Amino acid sequence: QWSFNINNNSGNFALYSGNMSSAELSVVNNRHKLTLTGESDNGATSFELVVASDQPLTTGTYTNGQFDSNRLESFSFTSLKKQWNGNTTYFYSDYRRLMSVRIDDIDARHVKGVITGMLYIQLAPGATSGAVIDNGSFSMSF
């Protein structure tokens, strides 16, 4: 399961949630990675979250800062549902807006945590706005 609320401080508030479809623990270029993917609405929306560390993944906070060892490498969400302005829904993170994932529980069989911070909303090609994530969470069994 995954879910999050967004609020872009312009009166636009939305709740998104769905099922996790895959979870993968891997080691790429000496970095330990967790990749979570999810969907909802029979594939009409997609969710992806990737965290990585120089050390094996443990509980703790992973941020999207450029130089953090424990890093949120990517977060993205797309939906066929149109935004309030008629454009396709696409949210993502990068190092310019602080976003973090806190892993509360992880072992060889499952992972559970919280998503917080800011993300980008692509309003139109080349135009973005910021939004706050409230009550973001994820839980997945491998």
N, C-alpha and C. Protein backbone atom coordinates (compact mmCIF):
# COMPACT_ATOMS: atom_id res chain seq x y z
N GLN A 1 0.83 -1.19 0.00
CA GLN A 1 0.00 0.00 0.00
C GLN A 1 0.87 1.24 0.00
N TRP A 2 0.43 2.28 -0.67
CA TRP A 2 1.08 3.58 -0.63
C TRP A 2 -0.01 4.65 -0.63
N SER A 3 0.30 5.80 -0.06
CA SER A 3 -0.65 6.92 -0.09
C SER A 3 0.08 8.20 0.26
N PHE A 4 -0.46 9.31 -0.21
CA PHE A 4 0.02 10.62 0.19
C PHE A 4 -1.03 11.66 -0.17
N ASN A 5 -1.02 12.76 0.58
CA ASN A 5 -1.86 13.93 0.30
C ASN A 5 -0.93 15.03 -0.18
N ILE A 6 -1.42 15.89 -1.05
CA ILE A 6 -0.65 17.08 -1.41
C ILE A 6 -1.50 18.32 -1.20
N ASN A 7 -0.82 19.42 -0.92
CA ASN A 7 -1.45 20.72 -0.76
C ASN A 7 -0.50 21.73 -1.39
N ASN A 8 -0.95 22.41 -2.44
CA ASN A 8 -0.07 23.38 -3.09
C ASN A 8 -0.31 24.81 -2.62
N ASN A 9 -0.98 24.96 -1.49
CA ASN A 9 -1.23 26.27 -0.87
C ASN A 9 -2.05 27.20 -1.74
N SER A 10 -2.70 26.69 -2.76
CA SER A 10 -3.58 27.49 -3.60
C SER A 10 -5.01 26.97 -3.51
N GLY A 11 -5.29 26.24 -2.45
CA GLY A 11 -6.61 25.67 -2.29
C GLY A 11 -6.79 24.35 -2.99
N ASN A 12 -5.73 23.84 -3.62
CA ASN A 12 -5.80 22.55 -4.31
C ASN A 12 -5.22 21.47 -3.40
N PHE A 13 -6.07 20.58 -2.95
CA PHE A 13 -5.69 19.51 -2.05
C PHE A 13 -6.13 18.20 -2.70
N ALA A 14 -5.28 17.19 -2.64
CA ALA A 14 -5.65 15.91 -3.25
C ALA A 14 -5.06 14.76 -2.44
N LEU A 15 -5.73 13.64 -2.46
CA LEU A 15 -5.28 12.41 -1.82
C LEU A 15 -5.07 11.37 -2.91
N TYR A 16 -3.93 10.71 -2.87
CA TYR A 16 -3.62 9.65 -3.82
C TYR A 16 -3.23 8.41 -3.04
N SER A 17 -3.64 7.24 -3.51
CA SER A 17 -3.26 6.00 -2.85
C SER A 17 -3.41 4.84 -3.83
N GLY A 18 -2.79 3.73 -3.48
CA GLY A 18 -2.88 2.56 -4.34
C GLY A 18 -2.15 1.37 -3.75
N ASN A 19 -1.96 0.39 -4.58
CA ASN A 19 -1.28 -0.84 -4.18
C ASN A 19 0.16 -0.84 -4.68
N MET A 20 1.04 -1.44 -3.90
CA MET A 20 2.41 -1.63 -4.34
C MET A 20 2.41 -2.79 -5.32
N SER A 21 3.16 -2.66 -6.41
CA SER A 21 3.21 -3.75 -7.38
C SER A 21 4.55 -4.47 -7.36
N SER A 22 5.61 -3.80 -6.90
CA SER A 22 6.89 -4.49 -6.79
C SER A 22 7.81 -3.77 -5.81
N ALA A 23 8.72 -4.54 -5.25
CA ALA A 23 9.76 -4.01 -4.36
C ALA A 23 11.02 -4.79 -4.68
N GLU A 24 12.11 -4.07 -4.84
CA GLU A 24 13.38 -4.72 -5.19
C GLU A 24 14.52 -4.13 -4.38
N LEU A 25 15.25 -5.00 -3.71
CA LEU A 25 16.50 -4.62 -3.06
C LEU A 25 17.63 -5.02 -4.00
N SER A 26 18.57 -4.11 -4.26
CA SER A 26 19.66 -4.40 -5.18
C SER A 26 20.91 -3.65 -4.76
N VAL A 27 22.04 -4.02 -5.35
CA VAL A 27 23.29 -3.30 -5.17
C VAL A 27 23.77 -2.91 -6.56
N VAL A 28 23.89 -1.60 -6.81
CA VAL A 28 24.31 -1.08 -8.10
C VAL A 28 25.47 -0.12 -7.87
N ASN A 29 26.62 -0.38 -8.49
CA ASN A 29 27.81 0.48 -8.31
C ASN A 29 28.11 0.71 -6.84
N ASN A 30 28.09 -0.35 -6.05
CA ASN A 30 28.39 -0.32 -4.61
C ASN A 30 27.38 0.49 -3.80
N ARG A 31 26.20 0.78 -4.37
CA ARG A 31 25.14 1.47 -3.63
C ARG A 31 23.99 0.49 -3.42
N HIS A 32 23.52 0.43 -2.20
CA HIS A 32 22.39 -0.43 -1.84
C HIS A 32 21.11 0.33 -2.16
N LYS A 33 20.22 -0.28 -2.94
CA LYS A 33 19.01 0.41 -3.40
C LYS A 33 17.75 -0.36 -3.04
N LEU A 34 16.71 0.41 -2.78
CA LEU A 34 15.37 -0.11 -2.63
C LEU A 34 14.51 0.63 -3.65
N THR A 35 13.89 -0.12 -4.54
CA THR A 35 12.99 0.46 -5.54
C THR A 35 11.59 -0.07 -5.30
N LEU A 36 10.66 0.84 -5.04
CA LEU A 36 9.27 0.49 -4.83
C LEU A 36 8.44 1.05 -5.97
N THR A 37 7.58 0.24 -6.55
CA THR A 37 6.66 0.73 -7.57
C THR A 37 5.24 0.35 -7.17
N GLY A 38 4.32 1.19 -7.58
CA GLY A 38 2.93 0.94 -7.26
C GLY A 38 2.03 1.51 -8.33
N GLU A 39 0.75 1.19 -8.21
CA GLU A 39 -0.23 1.68 -9.17
C GLU A 39 -1.59 1.74 -8.51
N SER A 40 -2.53 2.34 -9.20
CA SER A 40 -3.93 2.31 -8.79
C SER A 40 -4.79 2.52 -10.02
N ASP A 41 -6.07 2.43 -9.83
CA ASP A 41 -7.03 2.64 -10.92
C ASP A 41 -6.73 1.76 -12.12
N ASN A 42 -6.42 0.48 -11.85
CA ASN A 42 -6.13 -0.50 -12.90
C ASN A 42 -5.03 -0.02 -13.85
N GLY A 43 -3.98 0.55 -13.27
CA GLY A 43 -2.83 0.98 -14.05
C GLY A 43 -2.90 2.41 -14.56
N ALA A 44 -3.95 3.14 -14.25
CA ALA A 44 -4.07 4.52 -14.72
C ALA A 44 -3.13 5.47 -13.98
N THR A 45 -2.64 5.06 -12.80
CA THR A 45 -1.65 5.85 -12.08
C THR A 45 -0.44 4.98 -11.78
N SER A 46 0.71 5.63 -11.68
CA SER A 46 1.92 4.89 -11.30
C SER A 46 2.69 5.69 -10.26
N PHE A 47 3.37 4.96 -9.40
CA PHE A 47 4.11 5.52 -8.27
C PHE A 47 5.46 4.82 -8.25
N GLU A 48 6.55 5.60 -8.08
CA GLU A 48 7.87 4.98 -7.92
C GLU A 48 8.68 5.77 -6.91
N LEU A 49 9.37 5.03 -6.06
CA LEU A 49 10.21 5.60 -5.02
C LEU A 49 11.50 4.80 -4.99
N VAL A 50 12.65 5.48 -4.99
CA VAL A 50 13.95 4.81 -4.94
C VAL A 50 14.80 5.47 -3.85
N VAL A 51 15.26 4.67 -2.88
CA VAL A 51 16.21 5.15 -1.88
C VAL A 51 17.49 4.35 -2.02
N ALA A 52 18.62 4.96 -1.65
CA ALA A 52 19.91 4.29 -1.79
C ALA A 52 20.86 4.75 -0.69
N SER A 53 21.86 3.90 -0.43
CA SER A 53 22.86 4.21 0.59
C SER A 53 24.17 3.51 0.25
N ASP A 54 25.26 4.05 0.77
CA ASP A 54 26.56 3.39 0.63
C ASP A 54 26.62 2.13 1.48
N GLN A 55 25.76 2.04 2.49
CA GLN A 55 25.70 0.91 3.41
C GLN A 55 24.38 0.15 3.19
N PRO A 56 24.26 -1.08 3.68
CA PRO A 56 22.98 -1.78 3.59
C PRO A 56 21.86 -0.92 4.19
N LEU A 57 20.70 -0.94 3.57
CA LEU A 57 19.58 -0.11 4.00
C LEU A 57 19.08 -0.53 5.37
N THR A 58 18.83 0.47 6.20
CA THR A 58 18.33 0.24 7.55
C THR A 58 17.23 1.26 7.83
N THR A 59 16.68 1.22 9.03
CA THR A 59 15.71 2.24 9.41
C THR A 59 16.43 3.58 9.45
N GLY A 60 15.68 4.65 9.20
CA GLY A 60 16.25 5.98 9.23
C GLY A 60 15.72 6.83 8.10
N THR A 61 16.27 8.03 7.98
CA THR A 61 15.78 9.02 7.02
C THR A 61 16.70 9.10 5.80
N TYR A 62 16.08 9.15 4.65
CA TYR A 62 16.75 9.24 3.36
C TYR A 62 16.22 10.50 2.68
N THR A 63 17.11 11.49 2.43
CA THR A 63 16.68 12.76 1.85
C THR A 63 17.16 12.88 0.41
N ASN A 64 16.59 13.84 -0.30
CA ASN A 64 16.97 14.03 -1.69
C ASN A 64 18.08 15.06 -1.87
N GLY A 65 18.86 15.35 -0.83
CA GLY A 65 20.00 16.25 -0.97
C GLY A 65 21.04 15.67 -1.91
N GLN A 66 21.78 16.53 -2.57
CA GLN A 66 22.74 16.10 -3.58
C GLN A 66 23.84 15.20 -3.03
N PHE A 67 24.30 15.46 -1.82
CA PHE A 67 25.48 14.78 -1.32
C PHE A 67 25.23 13.87 -0.14
N ASP A 68 23.99 13.55 0.13
CA ASP A 68 23.67 12.67 1.25
C ASP A 68 24.03 11.24 0.92
N SER A 69 24.65 10.55 1.88
CA SER A 69 24.96 9.13 1.69
C SER A 69 23.68 8.31 1.67
N ASN A 70 22.77 8.59 2.61
CA ASN A 70 21.45 7.95 2.62
C ASN A 70 20.51 8.86 1.85
N ARG A 71 20.20 8.48 0.62
CA ARG A 71 19.53 9.42 -0.27
C ARG A 71 18.23 8.88 -0.86
N LEU A 72 17.26 9.76 -0.93
CA LEU A 72 16.07 9.53 -1.73
C LEU A 72 16.50 9.86 -3.16
N GLU A 73 16.68 8.84 -3.98
CA GLU A 73 17.18 9.08 -5.33
C GLU A 73 16.10 9.56 -6.28
N SER A 74 14.87 9.05 -6.10
CA SER A 74 13.80 9.55 -6.96
C SER A 74 12.44 9.24 -6.34
N PHE A 75 11.51 10.08 -6.69
CA PHE A 75 10.11 9.92 -6.35
C PHE A 75 9.32 10.45 -7.53
N SER A 76 8.40 9.68 -8.06
CA SER A 76 7.56 10.18 -9.14
C SER A 76 6.17 9.56 -9.06
N PHE A 77 5.22 10.31 -9.57
CA PHE A 77 3.83 9.89 -9.60
C PHE A 77 3.22 10.44 -10.87
N THR A 78 2.57 9.59 -11.63
CA THR A 78 1.84 10.04 -12.82
C THR A 78 0.44 9.46 -12.79
N SER A 79 -0.48 10.19 -13.40
CA SER A 79 -1.87 9.74 -13.45
C SER A 79 -2.51 10.22 -14.73
N LEU A 80 -3.40 9.41 -15.27
CA LEU A 80 -4.17 9.82 -16.43
C LEU A 80 -5.25 10.83 -16.06
N LYS A 81 -5.54 10.93 -14.75
CA LYS A 81 -6.51 11.91 -14.28
C LYS A 81 -5.92 13.31 -14.50
N LYS A 82 -6.70 14.18 -15.08
CA LYS A 82 -6.22 15.53 -15.38
C LYS A 82 -6.19 16.39 -14.11
N GLN A 83 -5.24 17.34 -14.09
CA GLN A 83 -5.16 18.30 -13.00
C GLN A 83 -6.27 19.34 -13.16
N TRP A 84 -6.36 20.25 -12.18
CA TRP A 84 -7.35 21.32 -12.20
C TRP A 84 -7.21 22.20 -13.43
N ASN A 85 -6.00 22.26 -14.05
CA ASN A 85 -5.81 23.10 -15.22
C ASN A 85 -5.94 22.32 -16.53
N GLY A 86 -6.32 21.03 -16.45
CA GLY A 86 -6.53 20.24 -17.65
C GLY A 86 -5.31 19.47 -18.13
N ASN A 87 -4.16 19.66 -17.50
CA ASN A 87 -2.95 18.96 -17.91
C ASN A 87 -2.80 17.63 -17.18
N THR A 88 -1.98 16.76 -17.73
CA THR A 88 -1.70 15.46 -17.13
C THR A 88 -1.05 15.63 -15.77
N THR A 89 -1.40 14.76 -14.82
CA THR A 89 -0.84 14.81 -13.47
C THR A 89 0.53 14.16 -13.45
N TYR A 90 1.56 14.93 -13.05
CA TYR A 90 2.92 14.41 -12.91
C TYR A 90 3.58 15.13 -11.74
N PHE A 91 3.97 14.37 -10.71
CA PHE A 91 4.67 14.90 -9.54
C PHE A 91 6.04 14.25 -9.48
N TYR A 92 7.05 14.98 -9.01
CA TYR A 92 8.38 14.40 -8.88
C TYR A 92 9.20 15.18 -7.85
N SER A 93 10.33 14.60 -7.47
CA SER A 93 11.22 15.27 -6.53
C SER A 93 12.58 15.47 -7.19
N ASP A 94 13.29 16.48 -6.72
CA ASP A 94 14.71 16.63 -7.03
C ASP A 94 15.35 17.38 -5.87
N TYR A 95 16.65 17.61 -5.95
CA TYR A 95 17.40 18.14 -4.81
C TYR A 95 17.05 19.58 -4.45
N ARG A 96 16.32 20.30 -5.29
CA ARG A 96 16.03 21.71 -5.01
C ARG A 96 14.89 21.91 -4.02
N ARG A 97 14.07 20.89 -3.80
CA ARG A 97 13.00 20.96 -2.80
C ARG A 97 13.17 19.77 -1.86
N LEU A 98 13.32 20.06 -0.57
CA LEU A 98 13.61 19.00 0.39
C LEU A 98 12.45 18.03 0.52
N MET A 99 12.78 16.77 0.31
CA MET A 99 11.82 15.69 0.47
C MET A 99 12.55 14.57 1.16
N SER A 100 11.85 13.80 1.99
CA SER A 100 12.51 12.70 2.66
C SER A 100 11.59 11.50 2.81
N VAL A 101 12.23 10.36 2.94
CA VAL A 101 11.57 9.10 3.21
C VAL A 101 12.17 8.57 4.50
N ARG A 102 11.32 8.23 5.44
CA ARG A 102 11.80 7.63 6.67
C ARG A 102 11.39 6.16 6.65
N ILE A 103 12.38 5.29 6.67
CA ILE A 103 12.09 3.86 6.75
C ILE A 103 11.96 3.51 8.23
N ASP A 104 10.77 3.06 8.61
CA ASP A 104 10.49 2.71 10.00
C ASP A 104 10.78 1.25 10.30
N ASP A 105 10.68 0.40 9.27
CA ASP A 105 10.87 -1.03 9.46
C ASP A 105 11.31 -1.62 8.14
N ILE A 106 12.39 -2.41 8.15
CA ILE A 106 12.85 -3.07 6.93
C ILE A 106 13.57 -4.36 7.32
N ASP A 107 13.27 -5.42 6.59
CA ASP A 107 14.00 -6.67 6.71
C ASP A 107 13.92 -7.37 5.36
N ALA A 108 14.30 -8.61 5.31
CA ALA A 108 14.35 -9.34 4.04
C ALA A 108 12.95 -9.61 3.47
N ARG A 109 11.90 -9.40 4.26
CA ARG A 109 10.54 -9.71 3.82
C ARG A 109 9.63 -8.52 3.61
N HIS A 110 9.92 -7.37 4.25
CA HIS A 110 9.02 -6.22 4.10
C HIS A 110 9.72 -4.90 4.41
N VAL A 111 9.05 -3.81 4.02
CA VAL A 111 9.51 -2.46 4.32
C VAL A 111 8.28 -1.60 4.60
N LYS A 112 8.45 -0.64 5.51
CA LYS A 112 7.35 0.26 5.88
C LYS A 112 7.95 1.60 6.21
N GLY A 113 7.29 2.69 5.80
CA GLY A 113 7.83 4.00 6.11
C GLY A 113 6.89 5.14 5.81
N VAL A 114 7.47 6.35 5.87
CA VAL A 114 6.73 7.61 5.76
C VAL A 114 7.40 8.50 4.72
N ILE A 115 6.59 9.25 3.97
CA ILE A 115 7.08 10.20 2.97
C ILE A 115 6.68 11.60 3.41
N THR A 116 7.63 12.55 3.44
CA THR A 116 7.33 13.93 3.83
C THR A 116 8.12 14.90 2.96
N GLY A 117 7.73 16.16 3.00
CA GLY A 117 8.50 17.21 2.35
C GLY A 117 7.76 17.87 1.20
N MET A 118 8.56 18.37 0.26
CA MET A 118 8.04 19.10 -0.89
C MET A 118 8.29 18.32 -2.17
N LEU A 119 7.37 18.46 -3.11
CA LEU A 119 7.59 17.88 -4.43
C LEU A 119 7.20 18.91 -5.47
N TYR A 120 7.53 18.60 -6.70
CA TYR A 120 7.15 19.45 -7.82
C TYR A 120 5.90 18.91 -8.47
N ILE A 121 5.03 19.81 -8.91
CA ILE A 121 3.88 19.48 -9.74
C ILE A 121 4.18 20.08 -11.11
N GLN A 122 4.20 19.24 -12.12
CA GLN A 122 4.38 19.78 -13.46
C GLN A 122 3.02 20.28 -13.94
N LEU A 123 2.89 21.61 -14.05
CA LEU A 123 1.62 22.21 -14.45
C LEU A 123 1.42 22.14 -15.95
N ALA A 124 2.52 22.29 -16.68
CA ALA A 124 2.54 22.24 -18.14
C ALA A 124 4.00 22.05 -18.53
N PRO A 125 4.30 21.69 -19.76
CA PRO A 125 5.71 21.55 -20.14
C PRO A 125 6.49 22.82 -19.80
N GLY A 126 7.53 22.67 -19.00
CA GLY A 126 8.37 23.80 -18.60
C GLY A 126 7.83 24.64 -17.46
N ALA A 127 6.68 24.31 -16.91
CA ALA A 127 6.09 25.09 -15.81
C ALA A 127 5.81 24.16 -14.63
N THR A 128 6.38 24.52 -13.46
CA THR A 128 6.17 23.70 -12.26
C THR A 128 5.71 24.56 -11.10
N SER A 129 5.18 23.90 -10.10
CA SER A 129 4.78 24.52 -8.86
C SER A 129 5.16 23.57 -7.74
N GLY A 130 5.30 24.08 -6.54
CA GLY A 130 5.61 23.22 -5.40
C GLY A 130 4.37 22.81 -4.65
N ALA A 131 4.48 21.70 -3.95
CA ALA A 131 3.38 21.24 -3.10
C ALA A 131 3.96 20.50 -1.91
N VAL A 132 3.25 20.54 -0.82
CA VAL A 132 3.66 19.86 0.41
C VAL A 132 3.00 18.49 0.44
N ILE A 133 3.78 17.47 0.81
CA ILE A 133 3.24 16.13 1.01
C ILE A 133 2.84 16.01 2.48
N ASP A 134 1.60 15.62 2.70
CA ASP A 134 1.10 15.35 4.05
C ASP A 134 0.75 13.88 4.15
N ASN A 135 1.03 13.27 5.27
CA ASN A 135 0.58 11.90 5.56
C ASN A 135 0.98 10.89 4.51
N GLY A 136 2.17 11.00 3.96
CA GLY A 136 2.63 10.02 2.99
C GLY A 136 3.10 8.75 3.69
N SER A 137 2.77 7.59 3.12
CA SER A 137 3.20 6.34 3.73
C SER A 137 3.33 5.26 2.67
N PHE A 138 4.07 4.21 3.02
CA PHE A 138 4.20 3.06 2.14
C PHE A 138 4.45 1.81 2.99
N SER A 139 4.02 0.68 2.48
CA SER A 139 4.22 -0.59 3.14
C SER A 139 4.18 -1.67 2.07
N MET A 140 5.19 -2.56 2.09
CA MET A 140 5.27 -3.57 1.04
C MET A 140 5.97 -4.80 1.56
N SER A 141 5.46 -5.96 1.20
CA SER A 141 6.13 -7.23 1.46
C SER A 141 6.85 -7.66 0.20
N PHE A 142 8.04 -8.24 0.36
CA PHE A 142 8.82 -8.66 -0.80
C PHE A 142 8.36 -10.03 -1.25
